[in-house]
Amino acid sequence: MSNPRLQGIDARLRDLEEAGRRGSWRDAGGTRGGIGQFLVGLALVVAGGYLFLDNVVVTGGGWSFFGYSPFGLVLIPLFIGIAALFFDGRSILGWLLTIGSGVGILVGIVSQMHIFFRPTSLLNTIIMLGLLAAGVGLVSRSLRSSD
């Protein structure tokens, strides 16, 4: 009365246990690279990425189109498209209005963003970029087969 699906899962678990006992499991990325190198590299990438992104400043301004703010005008077709989709979920016009307005809003926001790197010392910049580079190198090396 046992379920054949459960028997298949049980057999797969036994195969995995056997592979673990034989030591035939592979390390990071399915290769014989080092899992330790991968974890250290990942930690370096996370630390360097955090320090780098912590020094990036993002600001934004309001939209302007010939001196006027078009944000309200973009909302009108968005609301019409949403209403059309609630009325009929297969409405091509509703999908076009909703997606087009969403893209318009996204483009308007991104085009008004100002991204710059906060002034910092050369030592801090070298440490940030060095951590990122070392981490990427270790992760790449750990994914390469050592045979």
N, C-alpha and C. Protein backbone atom coordinates (compact mmCIF):
# COMPACT_ATOMS: atom_id res chain seq x y z
N MET A 1 0.81 -1.20 0.00
CA MET A 1 0.00 0.00 0.00
C MET A 1 0.85 1.26 0.00
N SER A 2 2.15 1.14 -0.24
CA SER A 2 2.97 2.34 -0.21
C SER A 2 2.89 3.06 -1.55
N ASN A 3 3.09 4.34 -1.50
CA ASN A 3 3.00 5.21 -2.65
C ASN A 3 4.27 5.07 -3.50
N PRO A 4 4.18 4.80 -4.81
CA PRO A 4 5.38 4.66 -5.64
C PRO A 4 6.19 5.95 -5.72
N ARG A 5 5.52 7.08 -5.62
CA ARG A 5 6.23 8.36 -5.65
C ARG A 5 7.13 8.50 -4.42
N LEU A 6 6.61 8.11 -3.25
CA LEU A 6 7.41 8.16 -2.03
C LEU A 6 8.57 7.18 -2.09
N GLN A 7 8.36 6.03 -2.73
CA GLN A 7 9.43 5.06 -2.88
C GLN A 7 10.56 5.64 -3.73
N GLY A 8 10.20 6.38 -4.78
CA GLY A 8 11.20 7.01 -5.64
C GLY A 8 12.01 8.06 -4.88
N ILE A 9 11.32 8.85 -4.06
CA ILE A 9 12.01 9.86 -3.26
C ILE A 9 12.91 9.19 -2.24
N ASP A 10 12.43 8.12 -1.63
CA ASP A 10 13.23 7.39 -0.64
C ASP A 10 14.48 6.80 -1.30
N ALA A 11 14.35 6.28 -2.50
CA ALA A 11 15.50 5.72 -3.21
C ALA A 11 16.50 6.81 -3.54
N ARG A 12 16.02 7.98 -3.94
CA ARG A 12 16.91 9.11 -4.26
C ARG A 12 17.66 9.56 -3.02
N LEU A 13 16.98 9.61 -1.87
CA LEU A 13 17.64 9.99 -0.62
C LEU A 13 18.73 8.98 -0.24
N ARG A 14 18.44 7.69 -0.44
CA ARG A 14 19.46 6.67 -0.16
C ARG A 14 20.67 6.83 -1.08
N ASP A 15 20.43 7.18 -2.36
CA ASP A 15 21.53 7.40 -3.29
C ASP A 15 22.39 8.59 -2.85
N LEU A 16 21.74 9.66 -2.37
CA LEU A 16 22.48 10.83 -1.90
C LEU A 16 23.30 10.51 -0.67
N GLU A 17 22.73 9.73 0.25
CA GLU A 17 23.48 9.33 1.43
C GLU A 17 24.68 8.49 1.04
N GLU A 18 24.51 7.60 0.09
CA GLU A 18 25.62 6.76 -0.38
C GLU A 18 26.71 7.60 -1.02
N ALA A 19 26.31 8.58 -1.81
CA ALA A 19 27.29 9.45 -2.45
C ALA A 19 28.06 10.25 -1.40
N GLY A 20 27.40 10.67 -0.34
CA GLY A 20 28.07 11.40 0.73
C GLY A 20 29.07 10.52 1.45
N ARG A 21 28.75 9.26 1.67
CA ARG A 21 29.67 8.35 2.34
C ARG A 21 30.89 8.06 1.48
N ARG A 22 30.70 7.96 0.17
CA ARG A 22 31.82 7.69 -0.73
C ARG A 22 32.68 8.92 -0.96
N GLY A 23 32.18 10.10 -0.58
CA GLY A 23 32.93 11.34 -0.79
C GLY A 23 32.91 11.80 -2.23
N SER A 24 31.91 11.40 -2.98
CA SER A 24 31.86 11.78 -4.40
C SER A 24 31.06 13.06 -4.64
N TRP A 25 30.65 13.72 -3.58
CA TRP A 25 29.95 14.99 -3.77
C TRP A 25 30.92 16.02 -4.29
N ARG A 26 30.43 16.88 -5.09
CA ARG A 26 31.26 17.94 -5.65
C ARG A 26 31.10 19.20 -4.79
N ASP A 27 32.05 20.09 -4.91
CA ASP A 27 32.00 21.33 -4.15
C ASP A 27 31.26 22.39 -4.94
N ALA A 28 31.67 23.63 -4.76
CA ALA A 28 30.97 24.78 -5.33
C ALA A 28 30.81 24.65 -6.83
N GLY A 29 29.61 24.87 -7.33
CA GLY A 29 29.35 24.85 -8.75
C GLY A 29 29.40 23.48 -9.39
N GLY A 30 29.40 22.42 -8.59
CA GLY A 30 29.44 21.07 -9.13
C GLY A 30 30.83 20.66 -9.59
N THR A 31 31.84 21.47 -9.29
CA THR A 31 33.22 21.13 -9.65
C THR A 31 33.97 20.72 -8.40
N ARG A 32 35.24 20.36 -8.57
CA ARG A 32 36.05 20.00 -7.41
C ARG A 32 36.76 21.21 -6.82
N GLY A 33 36.24 22.41 -7.08
CA GLY A 33 36.80 23.63 -6.49
C GLY A 33 36.52 23.65 -5.00
N GLY A 34 36.98 24.65 -4.31
CA GLY A 34 36.85 24.70 -2.86
C GLY A 34 35.61 25.44 -2.41
N ILE A 35 34.84 24.79 -1.56
CA ILE A 35 33.66 25.46 -1.01
C ILE A 35 34.09 26.57 -0.05
N GLY A 36 35.23 26.37 0.62
CA GLY A 36 35.75 27.41 1.51
C GLY A 36 36.13 28.66 0.75
N GLN A 37 36.80 28.49 -0.40
CA GLN A 37 37.15 29.64 -1.23
C GLN A 37 35.90 30.36 -1.69
N PHE A 38 34.90 29.61 -2.05
CA PHE A 38 33.65 30.22 -2.51
C PHE A 38 33.03 31.07 -1.41
N LEU A 39 32.96 30.54 -0.18
CA LEU A 39 32.32 31.28 0.91
C LEU A 39 33.13 32.52 1.29
N VAL A 40 34.47 32.40 1.33
CA VAL A 40 35.31 33.56 1.64
C VAL A 40 35.16 34.61 0.54
N GLY A 41 35.16 34.16 -0.73
CA GLY A 41 34.98 35.09 -1.84
C GLY A 41 33.63 35.78 -1.81
N LEU A 42 32.60 35.02 -1.47
CA LEU A 42 31.27 35.60 -1.36
C LEU A 42 31.22 36.65 -0.25
N ALA A 43 31.87 36.36 0.87
CA ALA A 43 31.91 37.33 1.97
C ALA A 43 32.65 38.60 1.55
N LEU A 44 33.75 38.46 0.80
CA LEU A 44 34.48 39.63 0.32
C LEU A 44 33.65 40.45 -0.66
N VAL A 45 32.93 39.78 -1.55
CA VAL A 45 32.07 40.50 -2.51
C VAL A 45 30.97 41.25 -1.77
N VAL A 46 30.37 40.61 -0.78
CA VAL A 46 29.29 41.27 -0.03
C VAL A 46 29.84 42.48 0.73
N ALA A 47 30.99 42.32 1.39
CA ALA A 47 31.58 43.43 2.16
C ALA A 47 31.98 44.57 1.23
N GLY A 48 32.69 44.26 0.14
CA GLY A 48 33.10 45.31 -0.80
C GLY A 48 31.92 45.98 -1.46
N GLY A 49 30.91 45.18 -1.84
CA GLY A 49 29.72 45.75 -2.45
C GLY A 49 28.96 46.67 -1.51
N TYR A 50 28.89 46.27 -0.23
CA TYR A 50 28.20 47.12 0.75
C TYR A 50 28.95 48.44 0.92
N LEU A 51 30.27 48.37 1.09
CA LEU A 51 31.04 49.60 1.27
C LEU A 51 30.96 50.50 0.05
N PHE A 52 30.98 49.90 -1.14
CA PHE A 52 30.89 50.68 -2.37
C PHE A 52 29.53 51.36 -2.49
N LEU A 53 28.47 50.57 -2.32
CA LEU A 53 27.12 51.12 -2.48
C LEU A 53 26.76 52.11 -1.37
N ASP A 54 27.43 51.99 -0.23
CA ASP A 54 27.19 52.93 0.85
C ASP A 54 27.69 54.33 0.49
N ASN A 55 28.62 54.41 -0.45
CA ASN A 55 29.16 55.71 -0.88
C ASN A 55 28.49 56.25 -2.13
N VAL A 56 27.49 55.58 -2.64
CA VAL A 56 26.76 56.06 -3.81
C VAL A 56 25.54 56.84 -3.32
N VAL A 57 25.38 58.03 -3.85
CA VAL A 57 24.26 58.89 -3.46
C VAL A 57 23.33 59.02 -4.66
N VAL A 58 22.05 58.80 -4.42
CA VAL A 58 21.04 58.91 -5.48
C VAL A 58 20.07 60.02 -5.10
N THR A 59 19.93 60.98 -5.96
CA THR A 59 18.96 62.06 -5.74
C THR A 59 18.05 62.14 -6.95
N GLY A 60 16.98 62.83 -6.80
CA GLY A 60 16.04 62.97 -7.92
C GLY A 60 15.38 64.32 -7.90
N GLY A 61 14.91 64.69 -9.03
CA GLY A 61 14.19 65.95 -9.15
C GLY A 61 12.81 65.69 -9.70
N GLY A 62 12.02 66.72 -9.77
CA GLY A 62 10.68 66.58 -10.32
C GLY A 62 10.71 66.49 -11.83
N TRP A 63 9.64 65.96 -12.38
CA TRP A 63 9.54 65.88 -13.83
C TRP A 63 9.26 67.27 -14.37
N SER A 64 9.73 67.52 -15.56
CA SER A 64 9.32 68.75 -16.24
C SER A 64 9.33 68.50 -17.74
N PHE A 65 8.27 68.94 -18.37
CA PHE A 65 8.11 68.78 -19.81
C PHE A 65 7.61 70.11 -20.33
N PHE A 66 8.49 70.86 -20.96
CA PHE A 66 8.19 72.23 -21.40
C PHE A 66 7.67 73.08 -20.25
N GLY A 67 8.27 72.89 -19.08
CA GLY A 67 7.92 73.69 -17.92
C GLY A 67 6.75 73.17 -17.10
N TYR A 68 6.10 72.10 -17.56
CA TYR A 68 4.95 71.55 -16.84
C TYR A 68 5.29 70.16 -16.32
N SER A 69 4.58 69.72 -15.31
CA SER A 69 4.79 68.39 -14.76
C SER A 69 3.80 67.42 -15.41
N PRO A 70 4.30 66.46 -16.21
CA PRO A 70 3.39 65.55 -16.92
C PRO A 70 2.98 64.33 -16.10
N PHE A 71 3.37 64.24 -14.83
CA PHE A 71 3.10 63.04 -14.05
C PHE A 71 1.60 62.75 -13.98
N GLY A 72 0.80 63.76 -13.74
CA GLY A 72 -0.65 63.58 -13.66
C GLY A 72 -1.24 63.09 -14.98
N LEU A 73 -0.68 63.56 -16.09
CA LEU A 73 -1.18 63.14 -17.39
C LEU A 73 -0.88 61.66 -17.66
N VAL A 74 0.20 61.16 -17.10
CA VAL A 74 0.54 59.75 -17.29
C VAL A 74 -0.38 58.86 -16.46
N LEU A 75 -0.89 59.37 -15.36
CA LEU A 75 -1.77 58.59 -14.50
C LEU A 75 -3.15 58.35 -15.14
N ILE A 76 -3.60 59.27 -15.99
CA ILE A 76 -4.93 59.12 -16.60
C ILE A 76 -5.01 57.85 -17.46
N PRO A 77 -4.08 57.63 -18.42
CA PRO A 77 -4.19 56.37 -19.18
C PRO A 77 -3.92 55.14 -18.31
N LEU A 78 -3.12 55.29 -17.25
CA LEU A 78 -2.89 54.17 -16.35
C LEU A 78 -4.19 53.75 -15.67
N PHE A 79 -4.93 54.70 -15.16
CA PHE A 79 -6.19 54.38 -14.49
C PHE A 79 -7.25 53.85 -15.48
N ILE A 80 -7.26 54.40 -16.68
CA ILE A 80 -8.19 53.89 -17.70
C ILE A 80 -7.82 52.45 -18.06
N GLY A 81 -6.53 52.18 -18.21
CA GLY A 81 -6.09 50.82 -18.52
C GLY A 81 -6.42 49.84 -17.40
N ILE A 82 -6.22 50.24 -16.15
CA ILE A 82 -6.55 49.37 -15.02
C ILE A 82 -8.05 49.11 -14.97
N ALA A 83 -8.84 50.15 -15.20
CA ALA A 83 -10.30 49.97 -15.21
C ALA A 83 -10.71 49.02 -16.33
N ALA A 84 -10.11 49.15 -17.50
CA ALA A 84 -10.43 48.26 -18.62
C ALA A 84 -10.05 46.82 -18.30
N LEU A 85 -8.95 46.63 -17.60
CA LEU A 85 -8.53 45.27 -17.24
C LEU A 85 -9.45 44.66 -16.18
N PHE A 86 -9.97 45.48 -15.28
CA PHE A 86 -10.92 44.95 -14.31
C PHE A 86 -12.24 44.60 -14.98
N PHE A 87 -12.59 45.34 -16.03
CA PHE A 87 -13.82 45.04 -16.76
C PHE A 87 -13.64 43.78 -17.60
N ASP A 88 -12.51 43.69 -18.32
CA ASP A 88 -12.21 42.53 -19.16
C ASP A 88 -10.71 42.29 -19.12
N GLY A 89 -10.30 41.23 -18.45
CA GLY A 89 -8.88 40.93 -18.27
C GLY A 89 -8.13 40.65 -19.55
N ARG A 90 -8.84 40.39 -20.65
CA ARG A 90 -8.19 40.10 -21.93
C ARG A 90 -8.16 41.32 -22.85
N SER A 91 -8.53 42.47 -22.35
CA SER A 91 -8.58 43.69 -23.16
C SER A 91 -7.18 44.11 -23.59
N ILE A 92 -6.95 44.07 -24.90
CA ILE A 92 -5.64 44.46 -25.42
C ILE A 92 -5.39 45.94 -25.18
N LEU A 93 -6.41 46.77 -25.36
CA LEU A 93 -6.26 48.20 -25.11
C LEU A 93 -5.93 48.46 -23.64
N GLY A 94 -6.59 47.74 -22.75
CA GLY A 94 -6.31 47.89 -21.32
C GLY A 94 -4.87 47.53 -20.99
N TRP A 95 -4.39 46.42 -21.56
CA TRP A 95 -3.00 46.02 -21.32
C TRP A 95 -2.03 47.05 -21.90
N LEU A 96 -2.30 47.53 -23.11
CA LEU A 96 -1.41 48.52 -23.73
C LEU A 96 -1.35 49.81 -22.91
N LEU A 97 -2.51 50.29 -22.45
CA LEU A 97 -2.54 51.52 -21.65
C LEU A 97 -1.81 51.33 -20.32
N THR A 98 -2.04 50.20 -19.66
CA THR A 98 -1.42 49.96 -18.36
C THR A 98 0.08 49.81 -18.48
N ILE A 99 0.53 48.97 -19.42
CA ILE A 99 1.97 48.74 -19.57
C ILE A 99 2.66 50.00 -20.09
N GLY A 100 2.04 50.67 -21.06
CA GLY A 100 2.63 51.89 -21.60
C GLY A 100 2.76 52.98 -20.54
N SER A 101 1.74 53.15 -19.72
CA SER A 101 1.81 54.16 -18.66
C SER A 101 2.84 53.77 -17.60
N GLY A 102 2.90 52.47 -17.27
CA GLY A 102 3.91 52.01 -16.31
C GLY A 102 5.31 52.26 -16.81
N VAL A 103 5.55 51.99 -18.09
CA VAL A 103 6.87 52.25 -18.67
C VAL A 103 7.15 53.76 -18.68
N GLY A 104 6.14 54.56 -18.99
CA GLY A 104 6.31 56.01 -18.97
C GLY A 104 6.67 56.53 -17.59
N ILE A 105 6.03 56.00 -16.56
CA ILE A 105 6.35 56.41 -15.19
C ILE A 105 7.77 55.99 -14.84
N LEU A 106 8.14 54.75 -15.18
CA LEU A 106 9.48 54.25 -14.87
C LEU A 106 10.55 55.07 -15.59
N VAL A 107 10.34 55.37 -16.87
CA VAL A 107 11.30 56.18 -17.62
C VAL A 107 11.40 57.58 -17.04
N GLY A 108 10.28 58.15 -16.64
CA GLY A 108 10.29 59.49 -16.04
C GLY A 108 11.06 59.53 -14.73
N ILE A 109 10.92 58.48 -13.93
CA ILE A 109 11.64 58.44 -12.65
C ILE A 109 13.13 58.24 -12.88
N VAL A 110 13.49 57.28 -13.73
CA VAL A 110 14.90 56.99 -13.97
C VAL A 110 15.61 58.16 -14.66
N SER A 111 14.92 58.83 -15.56
CA SER A 111 15.56 59.94 -16.28
C SER A 111 15.84 61.14 -15.38
N GLN A 112 15.15 61.24 -14.26
CA GLN A 112 15.37 62.35 -13.35
C GLN A 112 16.29 62.01 -12.18
N MET A 113 16.84 60.80 -12.19
CA MET A 113 17.75 60.40 -11.11
C MET A 113 19.14 60.95 -11.37
N HIS A 114 19.78 61.37 -10.30
CA HIS A 114 21.17 61.82 -10.36
C HIS A 114 21.96 60.91 -9.42
N ILE A 115 22.88 60.14 -9.99
CA ILE A 115 23.65 59.18 -9.22
C ILE A 115 25.10 59.64 -9.21
N PHE A 116 25.68 59.77 -8.02
CA PHE A 116 27.08 60.15 -7.94
C PHE A 116 27.74 59.47 -6.76
N PHE A 117 29.06 59.43 -6.81
CA PHE A 117 29.87 58.78 -5.79
C PHE A 117 30.26 59.83 -4.77
N ARG A 118 29.94 59.58 -3.52
CA ARG A 118 30.26 60.50 -2.44
C ARG A 118 31.78 60.64 -2.32
N PRO A 119 32.29 61.85 -2.12
CA PRO A 119 33.75 62.01 -1.97
C PRO A 119 34.27 61.17 -0.80
N THR A 120 35.34 60.44 -1.06
CA THR A 120 35.95 59.59 -0.04
C THR A 120 37.45 59.56 -0.30
N SER A 121 38.19 59.02 0.63
CA SER A 121 39.64 58.98 0.48
C SER A 121 40.04 57.90 -0.53
N LEU A 122 41.24 58.04 -1.06
CA LEU A 122 41.75 57.06 -2.00
C LEU A 122 41.90 55.70 -1.33
N LEU A 123 42.32 55.70 -0.06
CA LEU A 123 42.48 54.44 0.66
C LEU A 123 41.15 53.69 0.75
N ASN A 124 40.08 54.39 1.11
CA ASN A 124 38.77 53.75 1.19
C ASN A 124 38.33 53.19 -0.17
N THR A 125 38.58 53.94 -1.24
CA THR A 125 38.20 53.48 -2.57
C THR A 125 38.99 52.24 -2.96
N ILE A 126 40.29 52.22 -2.67
CA ILE A 126 41.11 51.05 -2.98
C ILE A 126 40.64 49.84 -2.18
N ILE A 127 40.30 50.04 -0.91
CA ILE A 127 39.82 48.92 -0.07
C ILE A 127 38.50 48.38 -0.63
N MET A 128 37.58 49.27 -0.98
CA MET A 128 36.28 48.83 -1.50
C MET A 128 36.44 48.04 -2.79
N LEU A 129 37.15 48.61 -3.74
CA LEU A 129 37.31 47.94 -5.03
C LEU A 129 38.20 46.71 -4.91
N GLY A 130 39.18 46.74 -4.00
CA GLY A 130 40.04 45.58 -3.78
C GLY A 130 39.26 44.41 -3.20
N LEU A 131 38.36 44.69 -2.25
CA LEU A 131 37.52 43.62 -1.70
C LEU A 131 36.63 43.02 -2.78
N LEU A 132 36.04 43.87 -3.60
CA LEU A 132 35.20 43.37 -4.69
C LEU A 132 36.00 42.50 -5.66
N ALA A 133 37.17 42.99 -6.08
CA ALA A 133 37.98 42.25 -7.05
C ALA A 133 38.47 40.92 -6.46
N ALA A 134 38.94 40.95 -5.22
CA ALA A 134 39.43 39.72 -4.58
C ALA A 134 38.29 38.72 -4.42
N GLY A 135 37.12 39.19 -4.04
CA GLY A 135 35.97 38.31 -3.88
C GLY A 135 35.55 37.67 -5.19
N VAL A 136 35.48 38.47 -6.24
CA VAL A 136 35.11 37.92 -7.56
C VAL A 136 36.15 36.90 -8.01
N GLY A 137 37.43 37.20 -7.76
CA GLY A 137 38.48 36.25 -8.13
C GLY A 137 38.38 34.94 -7.38
N LEU A 138 38.13 35.01 -6.07
CA LEU A 138 38.00 33.77 -5.29
C LEU A 138 36.77 32.96 -5.68
N VAL A 139 35.66 33.64 -5.90
CA VAL A 139 34.44 32.93 -6.32
C VAL A 139 34.68 32.27 -7.67
N SER A 140 35.30 32.97 -8.60
CA SER A 140 35.58 32.39 -9.91
C SER A 140 36.52 31.20 -9.81
N ARG A 141 37.55 31.33 -8.97
CA ARG A 141 38.50 30.22 -8.81
C ARG A 141 37.86 29.01 -8.16
N SER A 142 36.94 29.24 -7.24
CA SER A 142 36.30 28.11 -6.56
C SER A 142 35.35 27.34 -7.48
N LEU A 143 34.83 28.02 -8.50
CA LEU A 143 33.91 27.38 -9.43
C LEU A 143 34.65 26.62 -10.53
N ARG A 144 35.94 26.85 -10.63
CA ARG A 144 36.76 26.17 -11.65
C ARG A 144 37.21 24.82 -11.10
N SER A 145 37.23 23.83 -11.92
CA SER A 145 37.65 22.49 -11.49
C SER A 145 39.14 22.51 -11.18
N SER A 146 39.53 21.87 -10.10
CA SER A 146 40.94 21.87 -9.69
C SER A 146 41.67 20.63 -10.20
N ASP A 147 41.04 19.84 -11.05
CA ASP A 147 41.69 18.63 -11.59
C ASP A 147 42.71 18.96 -12.63
